[in-house]
N, C-alpha and C. Protein backbone atom coordinates (compact mmCIF):
# COMPACT_ATOMS: atom_id res chain seq x y z
N MET A 1 -7.43 -7.91 13.25
CA MET A 1 -7.57 -7.98 14.70
C MET A 1 -8.01 -9.37 15.14
N LEU A 2 -9.04 -9.93 14.50
CA LEU A 2 -9.58 -11.22 14.92
C LEU A 2 -8.93 -12.36 14.14
N HIS A 3 -8.66 -13.45 14.86
CA HIS A 3 -8.11 -14.64 14.21
C HIS A 3 -9.24 -15.50 13.66
N HIS A 4 -10.30 -15.64 14.45
CA HIS A 4 -11.48 -16.38 13.98
C HIS A 4 -12.67 -16.08 14.90
N VAL A 5 -13.85 -16.46 14.43
CA VAL A 5 -15.09 -16.28 15.19
C VAL A 5 -15.84 -17.60 15.15
N SER A 6 -16.48 -17.95 16.25
CA SER A 6 -17.26 -19.19 16.31
C SER A 6 -18.69 -18.91 16.76
N VAL A 7 -19.63 -19.70 16.23
CA VAL A 7 -21.02 -19.64 16.71
C VAL A 7 -21.44 -21.07 17.06
N GLY A 8 -22.26 -21.18 18.10
CA GLY A 8 -22.74 -22.49 18.52
C GLY A 8 -24.01 -22.89 17.79
N VAL A 9 -24.12 -24.18 17.45
CA VAL A 9 -25.32 -24.70 16.79
C VAL A 9 -25.69 -26.03 17.44
N ALA A 10 -26.93 -26.46 17.17
CA ALA A 10 -27.40 -27.72 17.75
C ALA A 10 -27.02 -28.91 16.88
N ASP A 11 -26.91 -28.70 15.59
CA ASP A 11 -26.62 -29.78 14.65
C ASP A 11 -25.68 -29.24 13.57
N VAL A 12 -24.44 -29.67 13.57
CA VAL A 12 -23.45 -29.14 12.64
C VAL A 12 -23.77 -29.51 11.19
N ALA A 13 -24.21 -30.74 10.95
CA ALA A 13 -24.52 -31.15 9.58
C ALA A 13 -25.66 -30.32 9.01
N ARG A 14 -26.67 -30.06 9.81
CA ARG A 14 -27.80 -29.24 9.36
C ARG A 14 -27.34 -27.81 9.11
N ALA A 15 -26.51 -27.26 10.03
CA ALA A 15 -26.00 -25.90 9.87
C ALA A 15 -25.11 -25.79 8.63
N ALA A 16 -24.38 -26.87 8.31
CA ALA A 16 -23.49 -26.86 7.16
C ALA A 16 -24.24 -26.62 5.86
N GLN A 17 -25.40 -27.24 5.72
CA GLN A 17 -26.21 -27.05 4.51
C GLN A 17 -26.61 -25.59 4.36
N PHE A 18 -26.97 -24.96 5.48
CA PHE A 18 -27.35 -23.55 5.47
C PHE A 18 -26.16 -22.67 5.10
N TYR A 19 -25.04 -22.86 5.78
CA TYR A 19 -23.89 -21.97 5.56
C TYR A 19 -23.17 -22.23 4.23
N ASP A 20 -23.20 -23.46 3.75
CA ASP A 20 -22.62 -23.71 2.42
C ASP A 20 -23.31 -22.83 1.38
N ALA A 21 -24.62 -22.75 1.47
CA ALA A 21 -25.39 -21.98 0.49
C ALA A 21 -25.24 -20.47 0.72
N VAL A 22 -25.37 -20.05 1.97
CA VAL A 22 -25.37 -18.61 2.28
C VAL A 22 -23.99 -17.97 2.08
N LEU A 23 -22.96 -18.59 2.64
CA LEU A 23 -21.62 -18.01 2.50
C LEU A 23 -21.06 -18.20 1.09
N GLY A 24 -21.59 -19.19 0.38
CA GLY A 24 -21.17 -19.38 -1.01
C GLY A 24 -21.51 -18.18 -1.88
N THR A 25 -22.57 -17.45 -1.54
CA THR A 25 -22.95 -16.27 -2.32
C THR A 25 -21.92 -15.15 -2.20
N LEU A 26 -21.10 -15.21 -1.14
CA LEU A 26 -20.10 -14.16 -0.91
C LEU A 26 -18.69 -14.60 -1.33
N GLY A 27 -18.59 -15.83 -1.85
CA GLY A 27 -17.29 -16.32 -2.31
C GLY A 27 -16.50 -17.07 -1.25
N TYR A 28 -17.14 -17.42 -0.12
CA TYR A 28 -16.47 -18.17 0.93
C TYR A 28 -16.86 -19.64 0.84
N LYS A 29 -16.00 -20.52 1.33
CA LYS A 29 -16.26 -21.96 1.22
C LYS A 29 -15.86 -22.67 2.50
N ARG A 30 -16.29 -23.92 2.60
CA ARG A 30 -15.91 -24.75 3.73
C ARG A 30 -14.44 -25.16 3.54
N VAL A 31 -13.58 -24.78 4.47
CA VAL A 31 -12.15 -25.07 4.32
C VAL A 31 -11.63 -26.08 5.34
N MET A 32 -12.44 -26.40 6.35
CA MET A 32 -12.03 -27.38 7.36
C MET A 32 -13.26 -27.95 8.04
N GLU A 33 -13.18 -29.22 8.41
CA GLU A 33 -14.33 -29.82 9.11
C GLU A 33 -13.88 -30.93 10.04
N PHE A 34 -14.59 -31.02 11.16
CA PHE A 34 -14.38 -32.08 12.13
C PHE A 34 -15.77 -32.59 12.50
N MET A 35 -16.34 -33.29 11.55
CA MET A 35 -17.72 -33.75 11.74
C MET A 35 -17.77 -34.86 12.78
N PRO A 36 -18.81 -34.89 13.60
CA PRO A 36 -19.99 -34.02 13.57
C PRO A 36 -19.89 -32.84 14.52
N TYR A 37 -18.65 -32.42 14.83
CA TYR A 37 -18.47 -31.42 15.88
C TYR A 37 -18.34 -29.97 15.39
N ALA A 38 -17.64 -29.79 14.27
CA ALA A 38 -17.40 -28.42 13.83
C ALA A 38 -17.00 -28.35 12.36
N ILE A 39 -17.29 -27.21 11.74
CA ILE A 39 -16.84 -26.91 10.38
C ILE A 39 -16.38 -25.45 10.35
N ALA A 40 -15.52 -25.14 9.40
CA ALA A 40 -14.99 -23.78 9.31
C ALA A 40 -15.05 -23.28 7.88
N TYR A 41 -15.28 -21.97 7.74
CA TYR A 41 -15.38 -21.33 6.42
C TYR A 41 -14.34 -20.22 6.30
N GLY A 42 -14.00 -19.92 5.05
CA GLY A 42 -13.06 -18.84 4.77
C GLY A 42 -12.76 -18.82 3.29
N GLU A 43 -11.70 -18.12 2.92
CA GLU A 43 -11.24 -18.13 1.53
C GLU A 43 -10.15 -19.18 1.36
N THR A 44 -9.15 -19.14 2.21
CA THR A 44 -8.11 -20.17 2.20
C THR A 44 -7.87 -20.72 3.61
N ALA A 45 -8.07 -19.89 4.63
CA ALA A 45 -7.86 -20.30 6.02
C ALA A 45 -9.18 -20.21 6.79
N PRO A 46 -9.35 -21.05 7.82
CA PRO A 46 -10.59 -21.02 8.60
C PRO A 46 -10.72 -19.73 9.40
N ALA A 47 -11.81 -19.00 9.17
CA ALA A 47 -12.03 -17.74 9.88
C ALA A 47 -13.36 -17.73 10.63
N PHE A 48 -14.33 -18.51 10.14
CA PHE A 48 -15.65 -18.56 10.77
C PHE A 48 -16.00 -20.01 11.05
N TRP A 49 -16.17 -20.31 12.34
CA TRP A 49 -16.46 -21.69 12.76
C TRP A 49 -17.93 -21.84 13.17
N VAL A 50 -18.50 -22.96 12.78
CA VAL A 50 -19.85 -23.36 13.19
C VAL A 50 -19.65 -24.67 13.96
N GLN A 51 -20.06 -24.71 15.24
CA GLN A 51 -19.69 -25.88 16.04
C GLN A 51 -20.67 -26.15 17.20
N LEU A 52 -20.56 -27.36 17.71
CA LEU A 52 -21.29 -27.69 18.92
C LEU A 52 -20.61 -26.96 20.09
N PRO A 53 -21.37 -26.49 21.06
CA PRO A 53 -20.75 -25.82 22.21
C PRO A 53 -19.73 -26.73 22.90
N HIS A 54 -18.61 -26.15 23.29
CA HIS A 54 -17.51 -26.93 23.88
C HIS A 54 -17.93 -27.57 25.20
N ASP A 55 -18.82 -26.91 25.95
CA ASP A 55 -19.23 -27.46 27.25
C ASP A 55 -20.32 -28.52 27.13
N LYS A 56 -20.71 -28.83 25.88
CA LYS A 56 -21.71 -29.87 25.57
C LYS A 56 -23.12 -29.52 26.03
N ASN A 57 -23.31 -28.27 26.44
CA ASN A 57 -24.66 -27.83 26.77
C ASN A 57 -25.36 -27.36 25.50
N SER A 58 -26.61 -27.00 25.60
CA SER A 58 -27.38 -26.55 24.44
C SER A 58 -26.82 -25.23 23.91
N ALA A 59 -26.83 -25.08 22.58
CA ALA A 59 -26.36 -23.84 21.96
C ALA A 59 -27.33 -22.72 22.29
N SER A 60 -26.79 -21.53 22.54
CA SER A 60 -27.62 -20.37 22.83
C SER A 60 -27.09 -19.17 22.04
N VAL A 61 -27.94 -18.17 21.90
CA VAL A 61 -27.59 -16.99 21.10
C VAL A 61 -27.29 -15.82 22.04
N GLY A 62 -26.19 -15.12 21.76
CA GLY A 62 -25.85 -13.96 22.57
C GLY A 62 -26.61 -12.73 22.08
N ASN A 63 -27.34 -12.09 22.96
CA ASN A 63 -28.09 -10.90 22.56
C ASN A 63 -27.11 -9.75 22.30
N GLY A 64 -27.18 -9.18 21.10
CA GLY A 64 -26.26 -8.11 20.72
C GLY A 64 -25.07 -8.60 19.93
N VAL A 65 -24.92 -9.92 19.82
CA VAL A 65 -23.79 -10.50 19.08
C VAL A 65 -24.21 -10.81 17.65
N HIS A 66 -23.38 -10.43 16.69
CA HIS A 66 -23.60 -10.87 15.31
C HIS A 66 -22.27 -10.89 14.59
N VAL A 67 -22.21 -11.62 13.49
CA VAL A 67 -21.00 -11.74 12.70
C VAL A 67 -21.24 -11.13 11.33
N GLY A 68 -20.37 -10.19 10.92
CA GLY A 68 -20.51 -9.53 9.62
C GLY A 68 -19.51 -10.08 8.63
N PHE A 69 -20.00 -10.44 7.45
CA PHE A 69 -19.14 -10.95 6.38
C PHE A 69 -19.02 -9.91 5.27
N ILE A 70 -17.80 -9.78 4.73
CA ILE A 70 -17.57 -8.82 3.65
C ILE A 70 -18.19 -9.31 2.36
N ALA A 71 -18.99 -8.44 1.72
CA ALA A 71 -19.54 -8.70 0.38
C ALA A 71 -18.85 -7.76 -0.60
N ARG A 72 -18.72 -8.20 -1.85
CA ARG A 72 -17.99 -7.40 -2.83
C ARG A 72 -18.90 -6.59 -3.76
N SER A 73 -20.20 -6.72 -3.57
CA SER A 73 -21.15 -5.95 -4.38
C SER A 73 -22.51 -5.94 -3.68
N LYS A 74 -23.36 -5.01 -4.12
CA LYS A 74 -24.72 -4.97 -3.56
C LYS A 74 -25.49 -6.22 -3.97
N ASP A 75 -25.22 -6.73 -5.18
CA ASP A 75 -25.89 -7.96 -5.64
C ASP A 75 -25.54 -9.13 -4.71
N ALA A 76 -24.27 -9.17 -4.25
CA ALA A 76 -23.86 -10.25 -3.35
C ALA A 76 -24.59 -10.15 -2.02
N VAL A 77 -24.79 -8.92 -1.53
CA VAL A 77 -25.53 -8.72 -0.28
C VAL A 77 -26.97 -9.24 -0.45
N GLN A 78 -27.58 -8.92 -1.57
CA GLN A 78 -28.95 -9.36 -1.83
C GLN A 78 -29.03 -10.87 -1.98
N SER A 79 -28.02 -11.47 -2.64
CA SER A 79 -28.00 -12.93 -2.82
C SER A 79 -27.81 -13.63 -1.48
N PHE A 80 -26.97 -13.05 -0.62
CA PHE A 80 -26.75 -13.58 0.73
C PHE A 80 -28.08 -13.65 1.49
N HIS A 81 -28.82 -12.56 1.46
CA HIS A 81 -30.09 -12.48 2.18
C HIS A 81 -31.10 -13.47 1.62
N ALA A 82 -31.20 -13.54 0.29
CA ALA A 82 -32.15 -14.44 -0.35
C ALA A 82 -31.81 -15.90 -0.06
N ALA A 83 -30.52 -16.25 -0.10
CA ALA A 83 -30.10 -17.62 0.16
C ALA A 83 -30.38 -18.00 1.62
N GLY A 84 -30.20 -17.03 2.52
CA GLY A 84 -30.47 -17.30 3.92
C GLY A 84 -31.93 -17.66 4.16
N LEU A 85 -32.84 -16.91 3.54
CA LEU A 85 -34.27 -17.19 3.71
C LEU A 85 -34.67 -18.48 3.01
N ALA A 86 -34.07 -18.73 1.84
CA ALA A 86 -34.40 -19.94 1.08
C ALA A 86 -33.94 -21.21 1.78
N ASN A 87 -32.96 -21.09 2.67
CA ASN A 87 -32.43 -22.27 3.35
C ASN A 87 -32.84 -22.35 4.82
N GLY A 88 -33.95 -21.71 5.14
CA GLY A 88 -34.52 -21.87 6.47
C GLY A 88 -34.21 -20.78 7.46
N GLY A 89 -33.42 -19.78 7.07
CA GLY A 89 -33.11 -18.68 7.97
C GLY A 89 -34.25 -17.68 8.07
N LYS A 90 -34.11 -16.73 8.97
CA LYS A 90 -35.15 -15.72 9.16
C LYS A 90 -34.60 -14.33 8.84
N ASP A 91 -35.47 -13.51 8.25
CA ASP A 91 -35.08 -12.14 7.93
C ASP A 91 -34.87 -11.35 9.22
N ASN A 92 -33.74 -10.63 9.28
CA ASN A 92 -33.48 -9.78 10.44
C ASN A 92 -33.07 -8.38 9.99
N GLY A 93 -33.29 -8.11 8.69
CA GLY A 93 -32.93 -6.81 8.13
C GLY A 93 -32.68 -6.94 6.65
N ALA A 94 -33.63 -6.47 5.83
CA ALA A 94 -33.53 -6.63 4.38
C ALA A 94 -32.33 -5.87 3.80
N PRO A 95 -31.84 -6.28 2.63
CA PRO A 95 -30.71 -5.57 1.99
C PRO A 95 -31.05 -4.11 1.75
N GLY A 96 -30.12 -3.24 2.06
CA GLY A 96 -30.35 -1.82 1.84
C GLY A 96 -29.37 -0.97 2.61
N PRO A 97 -29.44 0.34 2.42
CA PRO A 97 -28.54 1.27 3.13
C PRO A 97 -28.89 1.31 4.61
N ARG A 98 -27.88 1.59 5.41
CA ARG A 98 -28.06 1.75 6.85
C ARG A 98 -27.44 3.09 7.25
N PRO A 99 -28.15 4.19 7.02
CA PRO A 99 -27.58 5.52 7.29
C PRO A 99 -27.16 5.72 8.74
N ASP A 100 -27.77 4.97 9.66
CA ASP A 100 -27.38 5.09 11.07
C ASP A 100 -25.97 4.56 11.30
N TYR A 101 -25.51 3.65 10.43
CA TYR A 101 -24.18 3.05 10.56
C TYR A 101 -23.12 3.82 9.78
N GLY A 102 -23.56 4.62 8.81
CA GLY A 102 -22.62 5.36 7.98
C GLY A 102 -23.30 5.82 6.71
N PRO A 103 -22.79 6.87 6.06
CA PRO A 103 -23.43 7.43 4.87
C PRO A 103 -23.47 6.48 3.68
N ASP A 104 -22.54 5.53 3.60
CA ASP A 104 -22.49 4.62 2.45
C ASP A 104 -22.71 3.16 2.85
N TYR A 105 -23.18 2.95 4.07
CA TYR A 105 -23.33 1.58 4.58
C TYR A 105 -24.45 0.84 3.85
N PHE A 106 -24.16 -0.38 3.38
CA PHE A 106 -25.16 -1.20 2.70
C PHE A 106 -25.00 -2.64 3.19
N GLY A 107 -26.05 -3.18 3.81
CA GLY A 107 -25.94 -4.53 4.35
C GLY A 107 -27.27 -5.23 4.46
N ALA A 108 -27.22 -6.48 4.93
CA ALA A 108 -28.43 -7.29 5.13
C ALA A 108 -28.18 -8.23 6.29
N PHE A 109 -29.24 -8.53 7.05
CA PHE A 109 -29.12 -9.37 8.24
C PHE A 109 -30.05 -10.58 8.16
N VAL A 110 -29.52 -11.72 8.63
CA VAL A 110 -30.29 -12.98 8.64
C VAL A 110 -30.02 -13.70 9.95
N LEU A 111 -31.04 -14.40 10.47
CA LEU A 111 -30.85 -15.29 11.62
C LEU A 111 -30.70 -16.70 11.08
N ASP A 112 -29.65 -17.42 11.49
CA ASP A 112 -29.45 -18.78 10.98
C ASP A 112 -30.43 -19.74 11.65
N LEU A 113 -30.28 -21.03 11.40
CA LEU A 113 -31.24 -22.03 11.89
C LEU A 113 -31.28 -22.13 13.41
N ASP A 114 -30.20 -21.64 14.07
CA ASP A 114 -30.15 -21.68 15.52
C ASP A 114 -30.34 -20.30 16.15
N GLY A 115 -30.65 -19.31 15.32
CA GLY A 115 -30.91 -17.97 15.84
C GLY A 115 -29.69 -17.06 15.87
N ASN A 116 -28.53 -17.53 15.38
CA ASN A 116 -27.34 -16.67 15.34
C ASN A 116 -27.54 -15.58 14.29
N LYS A 117 -27.17 -14.38 14.65
CA LYS A 117 -27.36 -13.23 13.76
C LYS A 117 -26.12 -13.04 12.89
N ILE A 118 -26.33 -13.09 11.56
CA ILE A 118 -25.22 -12.89 10.64
C ILE A 118 -25.57 -11.77 9.67
N GLU A 119 -24.53 -11.17 9.10
CA GLU A 119 -24.72 -10.01 8.23
C GLU A 119 -23.77 -10.07 7.04
N ALA A 120 -24.22 -9.53 5.92
CA ALA A 120 -23.34 -9.29 4.77
C ALA A 120 -23.27 -7.78 4.59
N VAL A 121 -22.07 -7.24 4.48
CA VAL A 121 -21.91 -5.79 4.33
C VAL A 121 -20.97 -5.51 3.17
N LEU A 122 -21.29 -4.51 2.39
CA LEU A 122 -20.49 -4.15 1.22
C LEU A 122 -19.05 -3.87 1.62
N GLN A 123 -18.13 -4.39 0.84
CA GLN A 123 -16.71 -4.28 1.17
C GLN A 123 -16.24 -2.85 1.32
N GLU A 124 -16.89 -1.91 0.65
CA GLU A 124 -16.50 -0.50 0.74
C GLU A 124 -16.54 0.00 2.18
N MET A 125 -17.30 -0.70 3.01
CA MET A 125 -17.42 -0.29 4.40
C MET A 125 -16.28 -0.81 5.26
N ALA A 126 -15.48 -1.76 4.71
CA ALA A 126 -14.38 -2.31 5.49
C ALA A 126 -13.34 -1.22 5.76
N ILE A 127 -12.88 -1.15 6.98
CA ILE A 127 -11.90 -0.13 7.36
C ILE A 127 -10.53 -0.54 6.85
N ALA A 128 -9.81 0.41 6.29
CA ALA A 128 -8.47 0.12 5.78
C ALA A 128 -7.58 -0.33 6.93
N PRO A 129 -6.77 -1.38 6.72
CA PRO A 129 -5.93 -1.89 7.79
C PRO A 129 -4.91 -0.86 8.26
N VAL A 130 -4.68 -0.85 9.55
CA VAL A 130 -3.70 0.07 10.14
C VAL A 130 -2.35 -0.65 10.20
N LYS A 131 -1.31 0.02 9.80
CA LYS A 131 0.01 -0.59 9.82
C LYS A 131 0.44 -0.88 11.26
N ASN A 132 1.02 -2.04 11.46
CA ASN A 132 1.51 -2.36 12.79
C ASN A 132 2.81 -1.61 13.06
N PRO A 133 3.27 -1.58 14.33
CA PRO A 133 4.47 -0.81 14.66
C PRO A 133 5.69 -1.18 13.82
N GLU A 134 5.85 -2.47 13.53
CA GLU A 134 7.00 -2.90 12.75
C GLU A 134 6.95 -2.36 11.33
N GLU A 135 5.74 -2.37 10.73
CA GLU A 135 5.57 -1.84 9.38
C GLU A 135 5.83 -0.33 9.36
N ARG A 136 5.35 0.37 10.41
CA ARG A 136 5.58 1.81 10.50
C ARG A 136 7.08 2.11 10.62
N ARG A 137 7.78 1.27 11.43
CA ARG A 137 9.22 1.46 11.61
C ARG A 137 9.96 1.27 10.29
N LYS A 138 9.59 0.22 9.56
CA LYS A 138 10.24 -0.05 8.27
C LYS A 138 9.97 1.06 7.27
N ALA A 139 8.72 1.55 7.27
CA ALA A 139 8.36 2.63 6.35
C ALA A 139 9.15 3.90 6.68
N LYS A 140 9.31 4.16 7.99
CA LYS A 140 10.05 5.34 8.43
C LYS A 140 11.52 5.23 8.02
N GLU A 141 12.09 4.04 8.19
CA GLU A 141 13.49 3.82 7.81
C GLU A 141 13.67 3.96 6.30
N ALA A 142 12.68 3.47 5.54
CA ALA A 142 12.76 3.57 4.09
C ALA A 142 12.74 5.03 3.64
N ARG A 143 11.86 5.84 4.28
CA ARG A 143 11.79 7.27 3.95
C ARG A 143 13.10 7.97 4.33
N LYS A 144 13.66 7.58 5.48
CA LYS A 144 14.91 8.18 5.94
C LYS A 144 16.05 7.84 4.98
N ALA A 145 16.10 6.57 4.54
CA ALA A 145 17.15 6.13 3.62
C ALA A 145 17.03 6.84 2.27
N ALA A 146 15.78 7.01 1.81
CA ALA A 146 15.55 7.69 0.54
C ALA A 146 15.99 9.15 0.63
N LYS A 147 15.67 9.78 1.76
CA LYS A 147 16.05 11.18 1.97
C LYS A 147 17.57 11.32 2.03
N LYS A 148 18.24 10.36 2.69
CA LYS A 148 19.69 10.39 2.81
C LYS A 148 20.34 10.20 1.44
N ALA A 149 19.79 9.26 0.65
CA ALA A 149 20.32 9.01 -0.68
C ALA A 149 20.16 10.22 -1.58
N GLN A 150 19.02 10.91 -1.43
CA GLN A 150 18.77 12.11 -2.22
C GLN A 150 19.75 13.22 -1.84
N ALA A 151 20.01 13.37 -0.54
CA ALA A 151 20.95 14.39 -0.08
C ALA A 151 22.36 14.07 -0.56
N LYS A 152 22.73 12.79 -0.53
CA LYS A 152 24.05 12.36 -0.99
C LYS A 152 24.22 12.62 -2.47
N ALA A 153 23.15 12.34 -3.25
CA ALA A 153 23.20 12.57 -4.69
C ALA A 153 23.39 14.06 -4.98
N GLY A 154 22.69 14.91 -4.20
CA GLY A 154 22.83 16.35 -4.39
C GLY A 154 24.23 16.83 -4.02
N LYS A 155 24.79 16.23 -2.96
CA LYS A 155 26.14 16.60 -2.52
C LYS A 155 27.18 16.19 -3.55
N ASN A 156 27.01 14.98 -4.11
CA ASN A 156 27.94 14.49 -5.14
C ASN A 156 27.85 15.35 -6.40
N LYS A 157 26.65 15.78 -6.72
CA LYS A 157 26.45 16.63 -7.89
C LYS A 157 27.16 17.97 -7.71
N LYS A 158 27.07 18.51 -6.48
CA LYS A 158 27.74 19.78 -6.18
C LYS A 158 29.26 19.62 -6.24
N LYS A 159 29.76 18.50 -5.70
CA LYS A 159 31.19 18.23 -5.74
C LYS A 159 31.69 18.15 -7.18
N LYS A 160 30.91 17.46 -8.02
CA LYS A 160 31.29 17.32 -9.43
C LYS A 160 31.32 18.67 -10.12
N LYS A 161 30.30 19.49 -9.78
CA LYS A 161 30.22 20.83 -10.38
C LYS A 161 31.41 21.68 -9.94
N ASP A 162 31.74 21.60 -8.64
CA ASP A 162 32.87 22.36 -8.12
C ASP A 162 34.19 21.86 -8.73
N LYS A 163 34.28 20.55 -8.93
CA LYS A 163 35.48 19.97 -9.50
C LYS A 163 35.68 20.44 -10.94
N ASN A 164 34.57 20.46 -11.70
CA ASN A 164 34.64 20.93 -13.08
C ASN A 164 35.01 22.42 -13.13
N LYS A 165 34.47 23.17 -12.16
CA LYS A 165 34.76 24.60 -12.10
C LYS A 165 36.24 24.83 -11.80
N ASP A 166 36.79 24.03 -10.86
CA ASP A 166 38.21 24.14 -10.52
C ASP A 166 39.09 23.75 -11.71
N ALA A 167 38.65 22.74 -12.47
CA ALA A 167 39.41 22.30 -13.64
C ALA A 167 39.44 23.40 -14.70
N ASP A 168 38.31 24.08 -14.87
CA ASP A 168 38.25 25.20 -15.84
C ASP A 168 39.20 26.32 -15.43
N LYS A 169 39.21 26.63 -14.13
CA LYS A 169 40.11 27.69 -13.64
C LYS A 169 41.57 27.31 -13.86
N ALA A 170 41.87 26.04 -13.58
CA ALA A 170 43.25 25.57 -13.76
C ALA A 170 43.67 25.64 -15.22
N ALA A 171 42.72 25.31 -16.11
CA ALA A 171 43.03 25.35 -17.55
C ALA A 171 43.28 26.79 -18.00
N ARG A 172 42.47 27.72 -17.48
CA ARG A 172 42.66 29.13 -17.85
C ARG A 172 44.00 29.66 -17.34
N ARG A 173 44.33 29.25 -16.09
CA ARG A 173 45.61 29.69 -15.53
C ARG A 173 46.79 29.14 -16.34
N ALA A 174 46.66 27.89 -16.75
CA ALA A 174 47.74 27.26 -17.53
C ALA A 174 47.90 27.95 -18.88
N ALA A 175 46.75 28.28 -19.50
CA ALA A 175 46.80 28.94 -20.81
C ALA A 175 47.43 30.32 -20.68
N LYS A 176 47.05 31.03 -19.62
CA LYS A 176 47.59 32.37 -19.40
C LYS A 176 49.10 32.31 -19.15
N LYS A 177 49.48 31.30 -18.37
CA LYS A 177 50.91 31.13 -18.06
C LYS A 177 51.70 30.78 -19.32
N ALA A 178 51.11 29.94 -20.16
CA ALA A 178 51.78 29.54 -21.39
C ALA A 178 51.95 30.73 -22.32
N ALA A 179 50.87 31.56 -22.38
CA ALA A 179 50.94 32.74 -23.25
C ALA A 179 52.01 33.70 -22.74
N LYS A 180 52.09 33.85 -21.44
CA LYS A 180 53.08 34.72 -20.84
C LYS A 180 54.49 34.21 -21.10
N GLY A 181 54.63 32.88 -21.02
CA GLY A 181 55.93 32.27 -21.26
C GLY A 181 56.36 32.43 -22.71
N ALA A 182 55.36 32.29 -23.60
CA ALA A 182 55.68 32.44 -25.03
C ALA A 182 56.14 33.86 -25.32
N LYS A 183 55.50 34.82 -24.65
CA LYS A 183 55.88 36.22 -24.85
C LYS A 183 57.27 36.48 -24.31
N ALA A 184 57.57 35.85 -23.18
CA ALA A 184 58.89 36.04 -22.56
C ALA A 184 59.99 35.43 -23.42
N ASP A 185 59.63 34.33 -24.13
CA ASP A 185 60.63 33.65 -24.96
C ASP A 185 60.86 34.34 -26.29
N LYS A 186 60.05 35.31 -26.63
CA LYS A 186 60.19 36.00 -27.90
C LYS A 186 61.51 36.78 -27.92
N PRO A 187 62.35 36.61 -28.96
CA PRO A 187 63.67 37.28 -28.99
C PRO A 187 63.54 38.80 -29.04
N LYS A 188 64.44 39.47 -28.31
CA LYS A 188 64.42 40.94 -28.30
C LYS A 188 65.09 41.49 -29.57
N ARG A 189 64.57 42.68 -30.03
CA ARG A 189 65.13 43.30 -31.24
C ARG A 189 66.47 43.99 -30.93
N THR A 190 67.34 43.97 -31.92
CA THR A 190 68.62 44.68 -31.79
C THR A 190 68.40 46.16 -32.03
N PRO A 191 69.36 47.05 -31.64
CA PRO A 191 69.22 48.50 -31.90
C PRO A 191 69.02 48.79 -33.38
N GLU A 192 69.69 48.04 -34.23
CA GLU A 192 69.54 48.25 -35.67
C GLU A 192 68.12 47.91 -36.12
N GLU A 193 67.54 46.80 -35.55
CA GLU A 193 66.17 46.41 -35.94
C GLU A 193 65.17 47.44 -35.45
N LYS A 194 65.41 47.94 -34.28
CA LYS A 194 64.53 48.97 -33.74
C LYS A 194 64.57 50.23 -34.59
N ALA A 195 65.76 50.64 -35.03
CA ALA A 195 65.91 51.85 -35.87
C ALA A 195 65.22 51.63 -37.22
N GLU A 196 65.38 50.44 -37.75
CA GLU A 196 64.74 50.13 -39.04
C GLU A 196 63.22 50.17 -38.91
N ARG A 197 62.70 49.68 -37.80
CA ARG A 197 61.24 49.68 -37.59
C ARG A 197 60.70 51.09 -37.46
N ARG A 198 61.51 52.01 -36.79
CA ARG A 198 61.09 53.40 -36.67
C ARG A 198 61.00 54.06 -38.04
N LYS A 199 61.97 53.74 -38.88
CA LYS A 199 61.96 54.31 -40.25
C LYS A 199 60.74 53.86 -41.02
N GLN A 200 60.38 52.61 -40.85
CA GLN A 200 59.21 52.09 -41.55
C GLN A 200 57.93 52.79 -41.09
N ARG A 201 57.82 53.03 -39.80
CA ARG A 201 56.63 53.71 -39.28
C ARG A 201 56.58 55.16 -39.77
N GLU A 202 57.77 55.84 -39.77
CA GLU A 202 57.80 57.24 -40.22
C GLU A 202 57.46 57.32 -41.71
N ALA A 203 57.92 56.32 -42.49
CA ALA A 203 57.63 56.34 -43.93
C ALA A 203 56.12 56.19 -44.17
N LYS A 204 55.41 55.41 -43.33
CA LYS A 204 53.97 55.21 -43.49
C LYS A 204 53.20 56.46 -43.16
N THR A 205 53.74 57.31 -42.25
CA THR A 205 53.01 58.50 -41.84
C THR A 205 53.22 59.66 -42.79
N THR A 206 54.26 59.63 -43.65
CA THR A 206 54.53 60.74 -44.59
C THR A 206 53.84 60.50 -45.91
């Protein structure tokens, strides 16, 4: 949702020393700087800016405003808090569970050198990203294509089965016709042969 977040400070170089140490415990680093006006932190792209106020007035803290950083372990949350205090920050909430925020919530709060409220929270609390409309559309099309391919495969299988069945019937009909033809082609017996055959049968019965 957010592209980046900025906080105002009175001295960027002084704030940099604090944030280099504190955000370093979470695996974030300084990725951009425009000294003495601003610096930015992130993993590869600038996401959190520390800067002089754009209107050149004194930096102030917004009541109720704070920035939460993702931590990957409880140890990282504790290291974040300890580094904040060691580098001149103030405790605003020791590392630990926050049942009011959620059953598994674990975080810590620190005020930076200018009073900005920052937090480290265990990554397990991060909400899974929601697919955007385009991703949902593509996923829907993929499911539809898979369903269509499955139906086509079933239809082709049925056609093949029916084709094999028709071939078997044709083979049986051909065999029956051939047998009938062979019987029809068999030479008929003469009256003499028939009389001789009757004598043979009568001789067997006596």
